[in-house]
Amino acid sequence: MNSFLAISCFFICFTTTIAFPKNGTKLWSHTFKLGEKTYFVDLNEVSFDDAVIFCKDNNLQLVAIENEIENTNLYNHLDSLGIINSGLWTSGTKLAFSEEWVWLTSGEVITFTDWNFEPTYKNNNEYCLAVVPSIHDPSHFWINDNCEVLAFPICQSVSSN
């Protein structure tokens, strides 16, 4: 029993030190700049709501993909990092009783889209937008999903507009 406690303590202390250095800054799994935005990907899966909070707690916001160039560059970079067939939360959402998808971070209606045979609204509960880089269909990578599903948050630097 004592060895179990010692191993548990070591694991908790060691992983806490790696994830949160003593200066309080977050070590991101991946940080990269494409165009005017800096992106931050954390490889800890969370729900959509927790992804919003996670980004905000780090003075960031969930990503809003504004155009085809950004979409293509983001897809290619995630693919080059080996992040494929895994969901990543964006700030896209379809609010209850609304017909339009909006970027939660700005409130703007989503005008550019890259749906992968979506939105499908399976079980009438898929109101959050995730991107899933796929080796099977690199031409489209947006899906609508249940907001409680666990996915990686992809945050962006807060715009100064």
Protein backbone atom coordinates (compact mmCIF):
# COMPACT_ATOMS: atom_id res chain seq x y z
CA MET A 1 0.00 0.00 0.00
CA ASN A 2 2.84 2.42 0.85
CA SER A 3 4.48 1.82 -2.52
CA PHE A 4 1.16 2.56 -4.24
CA LEU A 5 0.90 5.87 -2.38
CA ALA A 6 4.50 6.75 -3.20
CA ILE A 7 4.01 5.98 -6.88
CA SER A 8 0.72 7.91 -6.94
CA CYS A 9 2.32 10.92 -5.27
CA PHE A 10 5.25 10.83 -7.69
CA PHE A 11 2.93 10.62 -10.70
CA ILE A 12 0.71 13.47 -9.51
CA CYS A 13 3.64 15.70 -8.54
CA PHE A 14 5.57 14.92 -11.73
CA THR A 15 2.66 15.47 -14.14
CA THR A 16 1.59 18.65 -12.35
CA THR A 17 5.11 20.04 -12.73
CA ILE A 18 5.16 19.22 -16.43
CA ALA A 19 1.71 20.63 -17.18
CA PHE A 20 1.96 23.73 -15.03
CA PRO A 21 5.45 25.12 -14.49
CA LYS A 22 6.23 27.07 -11.33
CA ASN A 23 5.89 30.44 -13.08
CA GLY A 24 2.21 29.66 -13.73
CA THR A 25 2.40 29.64 -17.52
CA LYS A 26 0.77 26.83 -19.44
CA LEU A 27 2.88 24.51 -21.53
CA TRP A 28 0.83 23.99 -24.68
CA SER A 29 0.99 20.76 -26.63
CA HIS A 30 1.30 22.77 -29.85
CA THR A 31 1.67 26.51 -30.48
CA PHE A 32 1.98 27.89 -33.99
CA LYS A 33 1.40 31.05 -36.00
CA LEU A 34 -0.41 31.06 -39.34
CA GLY A 35 -1.04 34.42 -40.94
CA GLU A 36 -2.14 36.96 -38.34
CA LYS A 37 -3.28 34.44 -35.71
CA THR A 38 -1.40 32.39 -33.16
CA TYR A 39 -3.01 29.04 -32.38
CA PHE A 40 -2.72 26.94 -29.24
CA VAL A 41 -3.73 23.27 -29.18
CA ASP A 42 -4.01 21.40 -25.91
CA LEU A 43 -4.12 17.61 -26.08
CA ASN A 44 -6.39 17.18 -23.07
CA GLU A 45 -9.92 16.36 -24.21
CA VAL A 46 -12.74 18.46 -22.77
CA SER A 47 -16.38 19.28 -23.53
CA PHE A 48 -17.26 22.33 -25.64
CA ASP A 49 -18.18 24.39 -22.56
CA ASP A 50 -14.94 23.43 -20.83
CA ALA A 51 -13.00 24.31 -23.99
CA VAL A 52 -14.53 27.81 -23.95
CA ILE A 53 -13.56 28.21 -20.28
CA PHE A 54 -10.11 26.71 -20.85
CA CYS A 55 -9.26 29.19 -23.60
CA LYS A 56 -10.69 32.13 -21.66
CA ASP A 57 -8.74 31.17 -18.52
CA ASN A 58 -5.59 31.40 -20.66
CA ASN A 59 -6.54 34.83 -22.11
CA LEU A 60 -7.41 33.22 -25.45
CA GLN A 61 -10.58 32.28 -27.31
CA LEU A 62 -11.74 29.20 -29.18
CA VAL A 63 -10.79 29.42 -32.83
CA ALA A 64 -13.06 30.99 -35.44
CA ILE A 65 -12.12 29.93 -38.97
CA GLU A 66 -12.89 32.95 -41.09
CA ASN A 67 -12.06 31.93 -44.66
CA GLU A 68 -10.88 29.18 -46.99
CA ILE A 69 -7.20 30.17 -46.78
CA GLU A 70 -7.21 29.98 -42.97
CA ASN A 71 -9.15 26.70 -43.13
CA THR A 72 -6.67 25.11 -45.56
CA ASN A 73 -3.61 26.35 -43.67
CA LEU A 74 -5.02 25.14 -40.35
CA TYR A 75 -5.90 21.72 -41.77
CA ASN A 76 -2.46 21.30 -43.34
CA HIS A 77 -0.67 22.34 -40.15
CA LEU A 78 -2.72 20.03 -37.92
CA ASP A 79 -2.04 17.23 -40.39
CA SER A 80 1.71 17.97 -40.31
CA LEU A 81 1.60 17.71 -36.50
CA GLY A 82 0.01 14.28 -36.79
CA ILE A 83 -3.29 15.43 -35.30
CA ILE A 84 -5.58 13.35 -37.50
CA ASN A 85 -8.88 11.60 -36.83
CA SER A 86 -9.23 13.56 -33.58
CA GLY A 87 -11.82 16.24 -32.91
CA LEU A 88 -10.84 19.79 -32.01
CA TRP A 89 -13.41 22.29 -30.72
CA THR A 90 -13.92 25.58 -32.56
CA SER A 91 -16.12 28.42 -31.31
CA GLY A 92 -18.82 27.51 -33.85
CA THR A 93 -22.25 26.80 -32.40
CA LYS A 94 -25.88 26.68 -33.42
CA LEU A 95 -27.83 28.27 -30.63
CA ALA A 96 -31.11 26.70 -29.58
CA PHE A 97 -34.05 27.55 -31.84
CA SER A 98 -31.74 29.24 -34.34
CA GLU A 99 -31.30 28.33 -37.97
CA GLU A 100 -27.83 29.88 -38.19
CA TRP A 101 -24.42 28.78 -37.04
CA VAL A 102 -22.40 31.53 -35.34
CA TRP A 103 -18.91 32.01 -33.95
CA LEU A 104 -19.45 32.17 -30.18
CA THR A 105 -16.37 34.35 -29.73
CA SER A 106 -17.68 37.14 -31.98
CA GLY A 107 -21.39 36.44 -32.33
CA GLU A 108 -20.98 36.67 -36.12
CA VAL A 109 -22.88 34.34 -38.43
CA ILE A 110 -20.58 31.75 -40.01
CA THR A 111 -20.35 32.58 -43.71
CA PHE A 112 -17.47 30.34 -44.85
CA THR A 113 -18.06 26.61 -44.23
CA ASP A 114 -16.27 23.33 -44.87
CA TRP A 115 -18.83 20.76 -43.71
CA ASN A 116 -18.11 17.08 -44.23
CA PHE A 117 -21.64 15.95 -45.24
CA GLU A 118 -22.84 17.89 -42.23
CA PRO A 119 -24.59 19.21 -40.28
CA THR A 120 -26.59 16.04 -39.63
CA TYR A 121 -28.11 16.72 -36.17
CA LYS A 122 -28.03 13.07 -35.09
CA ASN A 123 -30.22 12.62 -32.02
CA ASN A 124 -31.13 16.31 -32.31
CA ASN A 125 -28.24 17.30 -30.01
CA GLU A 126 -25.27 18.22 -32.22
CA TYR A 127 -24.98 21.98 -31.90
CA CYS A 128 -21.23 22.53 -31.58
CA LEU A 129 -18.69 22.72 -34.41
CA ALA A 130 -15.53 20.63 -34.31
CA VAL A 131 -12.84 20.11 -36.92
CA VAL A 132 -11.52 16.60 -37.54
CA PRO A 133 -8.46 16.35 -39.79
CA SER A 134 -8.87 13.01 -41.53
CA ILE A 135 -6.64 10.85 -43.65
CA HIS A 136 -9.81 9.62 -45.36
CA ASP A 137 -11.26 12.95 -46.56
CA PRO A 138 -8.85 15.87 -46.51
CA SER A 139 -11.21 17.98 -48.60
CA HIS A 140 -13.68 18.74 -45.77
CA PHE A 141 -13.10 18.64 -42.07
CA TRP A 142 -15.96 20.35 -40.23
CA ILE A 143 -18.52 18.34 -38.27
CA ASN A 144 -21.34 19.21 -35.93
CA ASP A 145 -21.19 17.25 -32.70
CA ASN A 146 -22.79 16.88 -29.30
CA CYS A 147 -21.33 19.63 -27.11
CA GLU A 148 -20.67 17.11 -24.32
CA VAL A 149 -18.35 14.99 -26.48
CA LEU A 150 -14.70 15.27 -25.46
CA ALA A 151 -12.36 16.92 -27.97
CA PHE A 152 -9.15 18.96 -27.92
CA PRO A 153 -9.50 22.74 -27.53
CA ILE A 154 -7.90 24.81 -30.26
CA CYS A 155 -7.54 28.37 -29.03
CA GLN A 156 -6.42 31.49 -30.82
CA SER A 157 -4.96 34.76 -29.65
CA VAL A 158 -7.65 37.32 -28.84
CA SER A 159 -8.00 39.83 -31.65
CA SER A 160 -7.33 43.46 -30.84
CA ASN A 161 -10.27 44.68 -32.97
